[in-house]
């Protein structure tokens, strides 16, 4: 496989991922809070408040609560960290991929606040960006080797 073909496939996969991501975070009923009345729309700008609450709530609300709110916020951005450097050469460095992931998460949180379909939570941004880092690590450890072996044939 040529490097150009690999890049083309990576780009297609990245755009499919972004479409699914936006659908899940903004429109899929199970993943969003719902349209909130003005008095309930809130903003959490204090880091680690919701993360601590998630860990505390795990005992009362069970593992699925923890999984959906903590692990889910990380895992949903892992493909971003894996596919971004594959699809865009300019984003092959960790800081560029992380910045793009952070900006994407920030835009999603802002959109949720503006449209009142969710809560702007800095902890979501932290967890999403952590997912980008995990994805980038997977890219460096696995995908980069796969890319090199596929494109050298």
N, C-alpha and C. Protein backbone atom coordinates (compact mmCIF):
# COMPACT_ATOMS: atom_id res chain seq x y z
N UNK A 1 0.86 -1.17 0.00
CA UNK A 1 0.00 0.00 0.00
C UNK A 1 0.90 1.23 0.00
N UNK A 2 0.55 2.19 -0.81
CA UNK A 2 1.34 3.41 -0.86
C UNK A 2 1.00 4.30 0.34
N UNK A 3 1.93 5.17 0.65
CA UNK A 3 1.70 6.11 1.76
C UNK A 3 0.53 7.04 1.44
N UNK A 4 0.39 7.40 0.16
CA UNK A 4 -0.73 8.26 -0.24
C UNK A 4 -2.07 7.56 0.01
N UNK A 5 -2.13 6.28 -0.31
CA UNK A 5 -3.37 5.50 -0.09
C UNK A 5 -3.67 5.38 1.41
N UNK A 6 -2.62 5.12 2.20
CA UNK A 6 -2.77 5.04 3.66
C UNK A 6 -3.31 6.35 4.21
N UNK A 7 -2.77 7.45 3.73
CA UNK A 7 -3.21 8.78 4.18
C UNK A 7 -4.66 9.01 3.78
N UNK A 8 -5.03 8.61 2.58
CA UNK A 8 -6.40 8.77 2.10
C UNK A 8 -7.38 7.97 2.96
N UNK A 9 -7.04 6.73 3.26
CA UNK A 9 -7.89 5.89 4.11
C UNK A 9 -7.99 6.48 5.51
N UNK A 10 -6.87 6.96 6.05
CA UNK A 10 -6.86 7.58 7.37
C UNK A 10 -7.75 8.81 7.41
N UNK A 11 -7.70 9.60 6.36
CA UNK A 11 -8.52 10.81 6.28
C UNK A 11 -10.01 10.46 6.26
N UNK A 12 -10.38 9.47 5.47
CA UNK A 12 -11.78 9.03 5.41
C UNK A 12 -12.23 8.53 6.79
N UNK A 13 -11.41 7.69 7.43
CA UNK A 13 -11.75 7.17 8.75
C UNK A 13 -11.87 8.30 9.78
N UNK A 14 -10.97 9.29 9.68
CA UNK A 14 -11.02 10.42 10.62
C UNK A 14 -12.33 11.19 10.46
N UNK A 15 -12.73 11.47 9.24
CA UNK A 15 -13.97 12.23 9.03
C UNK A 15 -15.20 11.43 9.43
N UNK A 16 -15.20 10.14 9.20
CA UNK A 16 -16.30 9.30 9.68
C UNK A 16 -16.35 9.34 11.21
N UNK A 17 -15.18 9.23 11.84
CA UNK A 17 -15.10 9.31 13.30
C UNK A 17 -15.66 10.64 13.81
N UNK A 18 -15.26 11.76 13.19
CA UNK A 18 -15.73 13.08 13.64
C UNK A 18 -17.25 13.18 13.51
N UNK A 19 -17.81 12.69 12.44
CA UNK A 19 -19.27 12.72 12.26
C UNK A 19 -19.95 11.90 13.36
N UNK A 20 -19.45 10.71 13.62
CA UNK A 20 -20.03 9.86 14.68
C UNK A 20 -19.86 10.54 16.04
N UNK A 21 -18.70 11.11 16.29
CA UNK A 21 -18.43 11.81 17.55
C UNK A 21 -19.44 12.92 17.79
N UNK A 22 -19.61 13.79 16.81
CA UNK A 22 -20.55 14.90 16.96
C UNK A 22 -21.98 14.40 17.13
N UNK A 23 -22.34 13.35 16.41
CA UNK A 23 -23.68 12.78 16.57
C UNK A 23 -23.87 12.27 18.00
N UNK A 24 -22.91 11.49 18.48
CA UNK A 24 -23.04 10.92 19.82
C UNK A 24 -23.09 12.00 20.90
N UNK A 25 -22.23 12.99 20.79
CA UNK A 25 -22.13 13.98 21.85
C UNK A 25 -23.20 15.07 21.78
N UNK A 26 -23.76 15.29 20.62
CA UNK A 26 -24.71 16.40 20.50
C UNK A 26 -26.14 15.96 20.26
N UNK A 27 -26.34 14.80 19.67
CA UNK A 27 -27.70 14.45 19.26
C UNK A 27 -28.21 13.13 19.81
N UNK A 28 -27.34 12.20 20.16
CA UNK A 28 -27.77 10.89 20.62
C UNK A 28 -28.28 11.00 22.05
N UNK A 29 -29.52 10.67 22.28
CA UNK A 29 -30.21 10.90 23.55
C UNK A 29 -29.51 10.25 24.74
N UNK A 30 -28.93 9.07 24.56
CA UNK A 30 -28.29 8.38 25.68
C UNK A 30 -27.00 9.06 26.14
N UNK A 31 -26.40 9.87 25.28
CA UNK A 31 -25.11 10.46 25.61
C UNK A 31 -25.19 11.92 26.02
N UNK A 32 -26.36 12.50 25.97
CA UNK A 32 -26.43 13.91 26.33
C UNK A 32 -27.43 14.12 27.45
N UNK A 33 -27.37 15.27 28.04
CA UNK A 33 -28.20 15.59 29.19
C UNK A 33 -29.63 15.87 28.79
N UNK A 34 -29.84 16.41 27.61
CA UNK A 34 -31.17 16.84 27.19
C UNK A 34 -31.23 18.35 27.23
N UNK A 35 -32.29 18.91 26.68
CA UNK A 35 -32.44 20.37 26.68
C UNK A 35 -32.78 20.79 28.10
N UNK A 36 -31.96 21.66 28.64
CA UNK A 36 -32.11 22.07 30.03
C UNK A 36 -32.76 23.44 30.12
N UNK A 37 -33.67 23.62 31.08
CA UNK A 37 -34.23 24.96 31.30
C UNK A 37 -33.13 25.92 31.74
N UNK A 38 -33.35 27.21 31.52
CA UNK A 38 -32.32 28.21 31.83
C UNK A 38 -31.79 28.10 33.26
N UNK A 39 -32.67 27.83 34.21
CA UNK A 39 -32.21 27.80 35.60
C UNK A 39 -31.33 26.59 35.90
N UNK A 40 -31.30 25.58 35.03
CA UNK A 40 -30.48 24.40 35.25
C UNK A 40 -29.21 24.39 34.41
N UNK A 41 -29.10 25.28 33.45
CA UNK A 41 -27.89 25.32 32.63
C UNK A 41 -26.78 25.84 33.52
N UNK A 42 -25.71 25.08 33.57
CA UNK A 42 -24.61 25.49 34.43
C UNK A 42 -23.29 25.29 33.72
N UNK A 43 -22.28 25.87 34.31
CA UNK A 43 -20.93 25.79 33.78
C UNK A 43 -20.03 25.34 34.92
N UNK A 44 -19.22 24.33 34.68
CA UNK A 44 -18.22 23.93 35.67
C UNK A 44 -16.86 24.33 35.13
N UNK A 45 -16.27 25.35 35.74
CA UNK A 45 -14.94 25.80 35.34
C UNK A 45 -13.86 25.39 36.34
N UNK A 46 -14.25 24.67 37.38
CA UNK A 46 -13.30 24.22 38.41
C UNK A 46 -12.83 22.81 38.07
N UNK A 47 -11.56 22.67 37.73
CA UNK A 47 -11.04 21.35 37.35
C UNK A 47 -11.16 20.32 38.46
N UNK A 48 -11.48 19.11 38.06
CA UNK A 48 -11.51 17.90 38.88
C UNK A 48 -12.69 17.81 39.85
N UNK A 49 -13.61 18.77 39.84
CA UNK A 49 -14.80 18.71 40.70
C UNK A 49 -15.69 17.55 40.24
N UNK A 50 -16.02 17.51 38.95
CA UNK A 50 -16.90 16.46 38.42
C UNK A 50 -16.19 15.11 38.41
N UNK A 51 -14.90 15.11 38.17
CA UNK A 51 -14.15 13.85 38.19
C UNK A 51 -14.22 13.24 39.59
N UNK A 52 -14.01 14.06 40.61
CA UNK A 52 -14.12 13.57 41.99
C UNK A 52 -15.53 13.06 42.27
N UNK A 53 -16.54 13.80 41.80
CA UNK A 53 -17.93 13.41 42.00
C UNK A 53 -18.22 12.06 41.31
N UNK A 54 -17.64 11.85 40.14
CA UNK A 54 -17.82 10.58 39.42
C UNK A 54 -17.26 9.42 40.23
N UNK A 55 -16.06 9.60 40.79
CA UNK A 55 -15.46 8.54 41.59
C UNK A 55 -16.26 8.29 42.86
N UNK A 56 -16.74 9.36 43.49
CA UNK A 56 -17.57 9.20 44.68
C UNK A 56 -18.91 8.55 44.34
N UNK A 57 -19.47 8.89 43.20
CA UNK A 57 -20.76 8.36 42.78
C UNK A 57 -20.71 6.90 42.36
N UNK A 58 -19.50 6.41 42.08
CA UNK A 58 -19.37 5.02 41.63
C UNK A 58 -19.87 4.06 42.71
N UNK A 59 -19.59 4.36 43.96
CA UNK A 59 -20.04 3.48 45.04
C UNK A 59 -21.56 3.47 45.14
N UNK A 60 -22.18 4.64 44.98
CA UNK A 60 -23.63 4.74 45.12
C UNK A 60 -24.37 4.35 43.85
N UNK A 61 -23.83 4.74 42.71
CA UNK A 61 -24.55 4.57 41.45
C UNK A 61 -24.04 3.41 40.60
N UNK A 62 -22.95 2.79 41.02
CA UNK A 62 -22.47 1.60 40.33
C UNK A 62 -21.39 1.87 39.30
N UNK A 63 -20.82 0.77 38.82
CA UNK A 63 -19.72 0.83 37.88
C UNK A 63 -20.13 1.44 36.54
N UNK A 64 -21.35 1.18 36.08
CA UNK A 64 -21.78 1.72 34.78
C UNK A 64 -21.81 3.24 34.79
N UNK A 65 -22.18 3.83 35.91
CA UNK A 65 -22.13 5.29 36.05
C UNK A 65 -20.70 5.79 35.86
N UNK A 66 -19.76 5.13 36.55
CA UNK A 66 -18.36 5.47 36.43
C UNK A 66 -17.87 5.27 35.00
N UNK A 67 -18.21 4.12 34.42
CA UNK A 67 -17.76 3.79 33.07
C UNK A 67 -18.25 4.82 32.06
N UNK A 68 -19.51 5.14 32.13
CA UNK A 68 -20.10 6.07 31.15
C UNK A 68 -19.54 7.48 31.30
N UNK A 69 -19.36 7.93 32.53
CA UNK A 69 -18.97 9.32 32.75
C UNK A 69 -17.47 9.55 32.78
N UNK A 70 -16.69 8.58 33.21
CA UNK A 70 -15.25 8.78 33.27
C UNK A 70 -14.56 8.08 32.10
N UNK A 71 -14.68 6.77 32.06
CA UNK A 71 -14.03 6.00 31.00
C UNK A 71 -14.58 6.42 29.63
N UNK A 72 -15.90 6.61 29.56
CA UNK A 72 -16.52 7.00 28.28
C UNK A 72 -15.98 8.30 27.74
N UNK A 73 -15.77 9.29 28.60
CA UNK A 73 -15.24 10.58 28.16
C UNK A 73 -13.80 10.47 27.66
N UNK A 74 -13.07 9.51 28.17
CA UNK A 74 -11.70 9.29 27.70
C UNK A 74 -11.71 8.48 26.41
N UNK A 75 -12.41 7.35 26.43
CA UNK A 75 -12.40 6.42 25.30
C UNK A 75 -12.94 7.05 24.02
N UNK A 76 -13.94 7.92 24.15
CA UNK A 76 -14.56 8.50 22.95
C UNK A 76 -13.57 9.37 22.16
N UNK A 77 -12.50 9.84 22.80
CA UNK A 77 -11.52 10.67 22.09
C UNK A 77 -10.23 9.91 21.74
N UNK A 78 -10.12 8.65 22.11
CA UNK A 78 -8.94 7.85 21.75
C UNK A 78 -8.77 7.78 20.22
N UNK A 79 -9.84 7.51 19.46
CA UNK A 79 -9.66 7.48 17.99
C UNK A 79 -9.16 8.81 17.43
N UNK A 80 -9.52 9.92 18.05
CA UNK A 80 -9.04 11.23 17.61
C UNK A 80 -7.52 11.26 17.67
N UNK A 81 -6.96 10.83 18.81
CA UNK A 81 -5.50 10.82 18.97
C UNK A 81 -4.79 9.84 18.07
N UNK A 82 -5.50 8.78 17.66
CA UNK A 82 -4.91 7.79 16.77
C UNK A 82 -4.96 8.23 15.31
N UNK A 83 -6.11 8.78 14.90
CA UNK A 83 -6.34 9.06 13.48
C UNK A 83 -5.83 10.43 13.03
N UNK A 84 -5.84 11.41 13.92
CA UNK A 84 -5.41 12.76 13.54
C UNK A 84 -3.99 12.77 12.96
N UNK A 85 -3.00 12.18 13.64
CA UNK A 85 -1.65 12.21 13.05
C UNK A 85 -1.51 11.33 11.81
N UNK A 86 -2.36 10.31 11.67
CA UNK A 86 -2.33 9.49 10.45
C UNK A 86 -2.89 10.26 9.26
N UNK A 87 -3.93 11.01 9.53
CA UNK A 87 -4.64 11.72 8.45
C UNK A 87 -3.97 13.03 8.05
N UNK A 88 -3.31 13.69 9.00
CA UNK A 88 -2.74 15.01 8.74
C UNK A 88 -1.28 15.04 9.19
N UNK A 89 -0.38 15.14 8.23
CA UNK A 89 1.05 15.18 8.55
C UNK A 89 1.40 16.32 9.49
N UNK A 90 0.71 17.45 9.35
CA UNK A 90 1.01 18.61 10.19
C UNK A 90 0.72 18.33 11.67
N UNK A 91 -0.08 17.32 11.94
CA UNK A 91 -0.47 17.01 13.32
C UNK A 91 0.25 15.76 13.84
N UNK A 92 1.38 15.44 13.27
CA UNK A 92 2.11 14.24 13.68
C UNK A 92 2.78 14.41 15.03
N UNK A 93 2.89 15.63 15.51
CA UNK A 93 3.49 15.88 16.82
C UNK A 93 2.40 15.84 17.89
N UNK A 94 2.77 15.36 19.06
CA UNK A 94 1.81 15.20 20.16
C UNK A 94 1.12 16.51 20.50
N UNK A 95 1.87 17.60 20.63
CA UNK A 95 1.26 18.84 21.07
C UNK A 95 0.23 19.36 20.07
N UNK A 96 0.45 19.12 18.77
CA UNK A 96 -0.52 19.56 17.76
C UNK A 96 -1.78 18.72 17.81
N UNK A 97 -1.63 17.41 17.95
CA UNK A 97 -2.79 16.53 18.06
C UNK A 97 -3.57 16.85 19.32
N UNK A 98 -2.86 17.04 20.44
CA UNK A 98 -3.52 17.36 21.71
C UNK A 98 -4.25 18.70 21.63
N UNK A 99 -3.64 19.68 21.00
CA UNK A 99 -4.28 20.99 20.85
C UNK A 99 -5.55 20.89 20.00
N UNK A 100 -5.49 20.14 18.92
CA UNK A 100 -6.68 19.94 18.08
C UNK A 100 -7.77 19.19 18.83
N UNK A 101 -7.39 18.18 19.61
CA UNK A 101 -8.36 17.44 20.41
C UNK A 101 -8.98 18.31 21.48
N UNK A 102 -8.15 19.10 22.15
CA UNK A 102 -8.64 20.04 23.16
C UNK A 102 -9.63 21.02 22.54
N UNK A 103 -9.26 21.59 21.38
CA UNK A 103 -10.13 22.56 20.71
C UNK A 103 -11.45 21.92 20.29
N UNK A 104 -11.40 20.70 19.80
CA UNK A 104 -12.62 20.00 19.41
C UNK A 104 -13.53 19.78 20.62
N UNK A 105 -12.95 19.32 21.72
CA UNK A 105 -13.72 19.11 22.94
C UNK A 105 -14.30 20.42 23.45
N UNK A 106 -13.50 21.48 23.42
CA UNK A 106 -13.97 22.81 23.85
C UNK A 106 -15.15 23.28 23.00
N UNK A 107 -15.05 23.08 21.69
CA UNK A 107 -16.15 23.47 20.79
C UNK A 107 -17.42 22.67 21.09
N UNK A 108 -17.28 21.39 21.34
CA UNK A 108 -18.45 20.56 21.67
C UNK A 108 -19.08 21.03 22.97
N UNK A 109 -18.27 21.26 23.99
CA UNK A 109 -18.79 21.72 25.27
C UNK A 109 -19.47 23.09 25.12
N UNK A 110 -18.87 23.98 24.34
CA UNK A 110 -19.46 25.30 24.10
C UNK A 110 -20.79 25.19 23.37
N UNK A 111 -20.83 24.32 22.37
CA UNK A 111 -22.08 24.11 21.62
C UNK A 111 -23.17 23.57 22.53
N UNK A 112 -22.81 22.63 23.41
CA UNK A 112 -23.78 22.09 24.36
C UNK A 112 -24.33 23.19 25.27
N UNK A 113 -23.48 24.09 25.70
CA UNK A 113 -23.91 25.19 26.56
C UNK A 113 -24.81 26.16 25.82
N UNK A 114 -24.40 26.57 24.64
CA UNK A 114 -25.15 27.55 23.85
C UNK A 114 -26.53 27.01 23.47
N UNK A 115 -26.58 25.74 23.07
CA UNK A 115 -27.85 25.15 22.65
C UNK A 115 -28.65 24.56 23.81
N UNK A 116 -28.08 24.60 25.00
CA UNK A 116 -28.73 24.09 26.21
C UNK A 116 -29.03 22.59 26.14
N UNK A 117 -28.21 21.86 25.40
CA UNK A 117 -28.40 20.40 25.36
C UNK A 117 -27.39 19.71 26.27
N UNK A 118 -26.73 20.46 27.07
CA UNK A 118 -25.77 19.87 27.98
C UNK A 118 -25.17 20.93 28.89
N UNK A 119 -24.12 20.53 29.56
CA UNK A 119 -23.46 21.38 30.54
C UNK A 119 -22.01 21.57 30.10
N UNK A 120 -21.53 22.80 30.13
CA UNK A 120 -20.12 23.06 29.84
C UNK A 120 -19.32 22.64 31.07
N UNK A 121 -18.49 21.62 30.90
CA UNK A 121 -17.75 21.07 32.02
C UNK A 121 -16.27 20.95 31.66
N UNK A 122 -15.45 21.68 32.38
CA UNK A 122 -14.01 21.66 32.11
C UNK A 122 -13.45 20.25 32.33
N UNK A 123 -14.07 19.48 33.22
CA UNK A 123 -13.60 18.11 33.45
C UNK A 123 -13.84 17.22 32.23
N UNK A 124 -14.91 17.46 31.49
CA UNK A 124 -15.11 16.72 30.24
C UNK A 124 -13.98 17.02 29.27
N UNK A 125 -13.58 18.27 29.20
CA UNK A 125 -12.47 18.66 28.32
C UNK A 125 -11.18 17.98 28.76
N UNK A 126 -10.94 17.93 30.07
CA UNK A 126 -9.75 17.26 30.60
C UNK A 126 -9.76 15.78 30.24
N UNK A 127 -10.90 15.12 30.47
CA UNK A 127 -10.98 13.68 30.18
C UNK A 127 -10.89 13.41 28.67
N UNK A 128 -11.54 14.25 27.86
CA UNK A 128 -11.47 14.09 26.40
C UNK A 128 -10.03 14.26 25.92
N UNK A 129 -9.33 15.26 26.45
CA UNK A 129 -7.94 15.51 26.05
C UNK A 129 -7.05 14.36 26.52
N UNK A 130 -7.34 13.78 27.67
CA UNK A 130 -6.60 12.60 28.13
C UNK A 130 -6.80 11.45 27.14
N UNK A 131 -8.01 11.33 26.61
CA UNK A 131 -8.28 10.32 25.58
C UNK A 131 -7.45 10.54 24.33
N UNK A 132 -7.27 11.81 23.95
CA UNK A 132 -6.43 12.14 22.80
C UNK A 132 -4.99 11.69 23.07
N UNK A 133 -4.49 11.93 24.28
CA UNK A 133 -3.14 11.49 24.64
C UNK A 133 -3.00 9.97 24.55
N UNK A 134 -4.00 9.24 25.07
CA UNK A 134 -3.98 7.77 24.99
C UNK A 134 -3.97 7.33 23.53
N UNK A 135 -4.82 7.94 22.73
CA UNK A 135 -4.87 7.61 21.31
C UNK A 135 -3.56 7.90 20.60
N UNK A 136 -2.93 9.02 20.94
CA UNK A 136 -1.66 9.37 20.34
C UNK A 136 -0.58 8.36 20.74
N UNK A 137 -0.63 7.90 21.98
CA UNK A 137 0.32 6.88 22.44
C UNK A 137 0.14 5.60 21.64
N UNK A 138 -1.11 5.21 21.41
CA UNK A 138 -1.39 4.03 20.59
C UNK A 138 -0.86 4.24 19.17
N UNK A 139 -1.06 5.45 18.65
CA UNK A 139 -0.53 5.79 17.31
C UNK A 139 0.98 5.59 17.28
N UNK A 140 1.66 6.13 18.27
CA UNK A 140 3.13 6.03 18.28
C UNK A 140 3.61 4.60 18.46
N UNK A 141 2.92 3.83 19.30
CA UNK A 141 3.37 2.47 19.61
C UNK A 141 2.98 1.45 18.56
N UNK A 142 1.81 1.63 17.94
CA UNK A 142 1.28 0.60 17.06
C UNK A 142 1.08 1.09 15.63
N UNK A 143 0.28 2.13 15.47
CA UNK A 143 -0.11 2.55 14.12
C UNK A 143 1.07 3.03 13.28
N UNK A 144 2.00 3.71 13.90
CA UNK A 144 3.16 4.19 13.15
C UNK A 144 3.96 3.00 12.59
N UNK A 145 4.06 1.93 13.37
CA UNK A 145 4.76 0.72 12.90
C UNK A 145 3.97 0.06 11.77
N UNK A 146 2.65 0.00 11.92
CA UNK A 146 1.80 -0.57 10.87
C UNK A 146 1.93 0.25 9.60
N UNK A 147 1.89 1.57 9.75
CA UNK A 147 2.01 2.46 8.59
C UNK A 147 3.33 2.22 7.88
N UNK A 148 4.41 2.14 8.63
CA UNK A 148 5.72 1.94 8.03
C UNK A 148 5.80 0.60 7.30
N UNK A 149 5.23 -0.45 7.92
CA UNK A 149 5.31 -1.77 7.27
C UNK A 149 4.40 -1.84 6.05
N UNK A 150 3.22 -1.22 6.11
CA UNK A 150 2.31 -1.23 4.96
C UNK A 150 2.84 -0.39 3.79
N UNK A 151 3.42 0.74 4.12
CA UNK A 151 3.85 1.66 3.08
C UNK A 151 5.23 1.30 2.51
N UNK A 152 5.95 0.40 3.16
CA UNK A 152 7.26 0.02 2.63
C UNK A 152 7.15 -1.14 1.63
N UNK A 153 5.98 -1.73 1.54
CA UNK A 153 5.79 -2.87 0.61
C UNK A 153 5.48 -2.42 -0.78
